[in-house]
Amino acid sequence: EGDYHKEFSRYHMVISTNDKVIFTCEQEKQHMPQGTVWWFNNRVTHNVRNDGNTDRTHIVVDIRK
């Protein structure tokens, strides 16, 4: 929330994951495969669930618009 989120776009660089990591952003569900980069709308209701046996590792990068 706030001015910070208005000025920056958020990206996730997926370093490691498993097939049971699911992001929910409002009503949309998405698995982010390893080795991909995703723009992520962190201004809306969101969460992540990891039902797998391994951790997920993401590098989160905020870039000024």
Protein backbone atom coordinates (compact mmCIF):
# COMPACT_ATOMS: atom_id res chain seq x y z
CA GLU A 1 0.00 0.00 0.00
CA GLY A 2 0.99 3.61 -0.25
CA ASP A 3 3.17 5.72 -2.48
CA TYR A 4 5.94 3.12 -2.78
CA HIS A 5 3.71 0.68 -4.66
CA LYS A 6 2.52 3.43 -7.00
CA GLU A 7 6.09 4.18 -8.10
CA PHE A 8 7.53 0.67 -8.47
CA SER A 9 6.75 -2.49 -10.41
CA ARG A 10 7.55 -5.80 -8.74
CA TYR A 11 9.16 -8.79 -10.49
CA HIS A 12 9.84 -12.33 -9.25
CA MET A 13 12.87 -14.21 -10.59
CA VAL A 14 12.28 -17.88 -9.80
CA ILE A 15 15.52 -19.54 -8.64
CA SER A 16 14.04 -22.78 -7.29
CA THR A 17 10.53 -24.08 -6.79
CA ASN A 18 8.39 -27.21 -6.96
CA ASP A 19 5.17 -28.05 -8.81
CA LYS A 20 3.09 -27.49 -5.68
CA VAL A 21 3.92 -23.78 -5.25
CA ILE A 22 0.86 -21.80 -6.33
CA PHE A 23 0.47 -18.01 -6.28
CA THR A 24 -3.02 -16.57 -6.01
CA CYS A 25 -3.58 -12.97 -7.09
CA GLU A 26 -7.22 -12.09 -6.55
CA GLN A 27 -8.99 -14.96 -8.40
CA GLU A 28 -6.08 -16.01 -10.65
CA LYS A 29 -3.86 -18.96 -9.70
CA GLN A 30 -0.42 -19.44 -11.23
CA HIS A 31 2.61 -21.68 -10.84
CA MET A 32 5.84 -19.85 -11.66
CA PRO A 33 8.32 -22.36 -13.15
CA GLN A 34 12.00 -22.33 -12.25
CA GLY A 35 14.11 -20.06 -14.45
CA THR A 36 11.30 -17.65 -15.31
CA VAL A 37 10.71 -13.98 -14.49
CA TRP A 38 7.24 -12.66 -13.69
CA TRP A 39 5.73 -9.23 -13.21
CA PHE A 40 3.70 -9.45 -10.02
CA ASN A 41 0.84 -7.12 -9.08
CA ASN A 42 1.46 -6.73 -5.36
CA ARG A 43 -1.18 -3.98 -5.09
CA VAL A 44 -4.06 -6.47 -4.99
CA THR A 45 -4.87 -9.23 -2.54
CA HIS A 46 -2.40 -12.07 -3.03
CA ASN A 47 -0.82 -15.07 -1.33
CA VAL A 48 1.39 -18.05 -2.05
CA ARG A 49 0.99 -21.64 -0.95
CA ASN A 50 3.73 -24.27 -0.96
CA ASP A 51 2.37 -27.78 -0.47
CA GLY A 52 5.60 -29.35 -1.74
CA ASN A 53 8.50 -30.91 0.16
CA THR A 54 11.08 -28.32 -0.94
CA ASP A 55 11.46 -24.60 -0.37
CA ARG A 56 10.94 -21.98 -3.05
CA THR A 57 13.56 -19.33 -3.67
CA HIS A 58 12.71 -16.12 -5.54
CA ILE A 59 14.65 -12.94 -6.04
CA VAL A 60 12.18 -10.07 -5.75
CA VAL A 61 13.12 -6.93 -7.68
CA ASP A 62 11.29 -3.60 -7.53
CA ILE A 63 11.89 -1.29 -10.52
CA ARG A 64 10.88 2.37 -10.55
CA LYS A 65 8.31 3.02 -13.27
